[in-house]
């Protein structure tokens, strides 16, 4: 889960949240509108 949370992005055009990695490849554009504009999301998690 840490790796997925570290790679979350928000699309700069349509606003959906997606990850920059999948099981098979690195994703460098929005899967919906194909835009390359994005903002990284930082998530603070607590580890036990």
N, C-alpha and C. Protein backbone atom coordinates (compact mmCIF):
# COMPACT_ATOMS: atom_id res chain seq x y z
N UNK A 1 0.81 -1.20 0.00
CA UNK A 1 0.00 0.00 0.00
C UNK A 1 0.85 1.26 0.00
N UNK A 2 1.99 1.23 0.64
CA UNK A 2 2.84 2.41 0.68
C UNK A 2 3.26 2.84 -0.72
N UNK A 3 3.62 1.89 -1.57
CA UNK A 3 4.08 2.23 -2.91
C UNK A 3 2.97 2.88 -3.73
N UNK A 4 1.74 2.37 -3.62
CA UNK A 4 0.62 2.96 -4.35
C UNK A 4 0.34 4.38 -3.86
N UNK A 5 0.32 4.58 -2.57
CA UNK A 5 0.05 5.91 -2.00
C UNK A 5 1.13 6.90 -2.40
N UNK A 6 2.35 6.45 -2.55
CA UNK A 6 3.45 7.33 -2.90
C UNK A 6 3.34 7.82 -4.35
N UNK A 7 2.60 7.11 -5.21
CA UNK A 7 2.52 7.44 -6.62
C UNK A 7 1.17 8.00 -7.05
N UNK A 8 0.36 8.50 -6.11
CA UNK A 8 -0.93 9.06 -6.47
C UNK A 8 -0.77 10.43 -7.13
N UNK A 9 -1.59 10.67 -8.15
CA UNK A 9 -1.58 11.95 -8.86
C UNK A 9 -3.01 12.42 -9.10
N UNK A 10 -3.18 13.73 -9.24
CA UNK A 10 -4.45 14.31 -9.65
C UNK A 10 -4.25 14.92 -11.03
N UNK A 11 -5.13 14.57 -11.96
CA UNK A 11 -5.02 15.11 -13.32
C UNK A 11 -5.27 16.61 -13.29
N UNK A 12 -4.45 17.37 -14.01
CA UNK A 12 -4.59 18.82 -14.06
C UNK A 12 -5.73 19.30 -14.92
N UNK A 13 -6.25 18.43 -15.81
CA UNK A 13 -7.34 18.84 -16.69
C UNK A 13 -8.70 18.34 -16.23
N UNK A 14 -8.84 17.03 -15.99
CA UNK A 14 -10.17 16.51 -15.64
C UNK A 14 -10.33 16.28 -14.14
N UNK A 15 -9.24 16.25 -13.36
CA UNK A 15 -9.34 16.21 -11.91
C UNK A 15 -9.47 14.84 -11.28
N UNK A 16 -9.36 13.75 -12.05
CA UNK A 16 -9.45 12.44 -11.42
C UNK A 16 -8.13 12.09 -10.75
N UNK A 17 -8.19 11.16 -9.81
CA UNK A 17 -7.00 10.69 -9.11
C UNK A 17 -6.60 9.35 -9.71
N UNK A 18 -5.31 9.20 -10.02
CA UNK A 18 -4.81 7.94 -10.57
C UNK A 18 -3.41 7.69 -10.05
N UNK A 19 -2.90 6.48 -10.23
CA UNK A 19 -1.54 6.18 -9.81
C UNK A 19 -0.61 6.24 -11.01
N UNK A 20 0.66 6.53 -10.78
CA UNK A 20 1.62 6.64 -11.87
C UNK A 20 2.26 5.29 -12.20
N UNK A 21 1.87 4.24 -11.51
CA UNK A 21 2.40 2.92 -11.83
C UNK A 21 1.26 1.92 -11.89
N UNK A 22 1.45 0.90 -12.69
CA UNK A 22 0.52 -0.22 -12.70
C UNK A 22 1.38 -1.48 -12.55
N UNK A 23 0.76 -2.63 -12.63
CA UNK A 23 1.53 -3.87 -12.47
C UNK A 23 2.47 -4.11 -13.65
N UNK A 24 2.19 -3.53 -14.81
CA UNK A 24 2.97 -3.84 -16.00
C UNK A 24 3.80 -2.67 -16.53
N UNK A 25 3.40 -1.40 -16.23
CA UNK A 25 4.13 -0.28 -16.82
C UNK A 25 3.99 0.98 -15.98
N UNK A 26 4.82 1.97 -16.30
CA UNK A 26 4.76 3.30 -15.71
C UNK A 26 3.76 4.12 -16.51
N UNK A 27 2.84 4.81 -15.83
CA UNK A 27 1.82 5.60 -16.51
C UNK A 27 2.20 7.07 -16.41
N UNK A 28 2.41 7.73 -17.55
CA UNK A 28 2.83 9.13 -17.52
C UNK A 28 1.74 10.09 -17.99
N UNK A 29 0.51 9.59 -18.17
CA UNK A 29 -0.59 10.47 -18.56
C UNK A 29 -1.89 9.98 -17.96
N UNK A 30 -2.87 10.85 -17.91
CA UNK A 30 -4.19 10.51 -17.36
C UNK A 30 -4.84 9.41 -18.19
N UNK A 31 -5.37 8.37 -17.53
CA UNK A 31 -6.01 7.29 -18.29
C UNK A 31 -7.34 7.70 -18.93
N UNK A 32 -7.95 8.79 -18.49
CA UNK A 32 -9.23 9.22 -19.04
C UNK A 32 -9.04 10.20 -20.20
N UNK A 33 -8.38 11.33 -19.94
CA UNK A 33 -8.28 12.38 -20.97
C UNK A 33 -6.91 12.45 -21.63
N UNK A 34 -5.97 11.60 -21.21
CA UNK A 34 -4.63 11.51 -21.80
C UNK A 34 -3.77 12.75 -21.59
N UNK A 35 -4.14 13.60 -20.63
CA UNK A 35 -3.37 14.79 -20.32
C UNK A 35 -2.10 14.41 -19.55
N UNK A 36 -1.03 15.15 -19.76
CA UNK A 36 0.22 14.91 -19.03
C UNK A 36 0.40 15.90 -17.88
N UNK A 37 -0.58 16.79 -17.67
CA UNK A 37 -0.53 17.74 -16.55
C UNK A 37 -1.06 17.04 -15.30
N UNK A 38 -0.30 17.10 -14.22
CA UNK A 38 -0.76 16.47 -12.99
C UNK A 38 -0.13 17.14 -11.78
N UNK A 39 -0.71 16.88 -10.63
CA UNK A 39 -0.17 17.32 -9.34
C UNK A 39 0.04 16.08 -8.50
N UNK A 40 1.16 15.99 -7.82
CA UNK A 40 1.40 14.86 -6.93
C UNK A 40 0.63 15.06 -5.64
N UNK A 41 0.17 13.96 -5.05
CA UNK A 41 -0.55 14.00 -3.78
C UNK A 41 0.38 13.43 -2.71
N UNK A 42 0.53 14.14 -1.63
CA UNK A 42 1.31 13.60 -0.52
C UNK A 42 0.35 13.13 0.56
N UNK A 43 0.54 11.90 1.00
CA UNK A 43 -0.32 11.32 2.01
C UNK A 43 0.52 10.96 3.23
N UNK A 44 0.09 11.43 4.37
CA UNK A 44 0.78 11.10 5.62
C UNK A 44 0.11 9.87 6.21
N UNK A 45 0.89 8.80 6.36
CA UNK A 45 0.34 7.57 6.92
C UNK A 45 1.03 7.27 8.24
N UNK A 46 0.31 6.60 9.12
CA UNK A 46 0.88 6.19 10.40
C UNK A 46 1.21 4.71 10.31
N UNK A 47 2.45 4.37 10.61
CA UNK A 47 2.84 2.96 10.68
C UNK A 47 2.87 2.53 12.13
N UNK A 48 2.38 1.34 12.37
CA UNK A 48 2.38 0.82 13.74
C UNK A 48 3.71 0.24 14.11
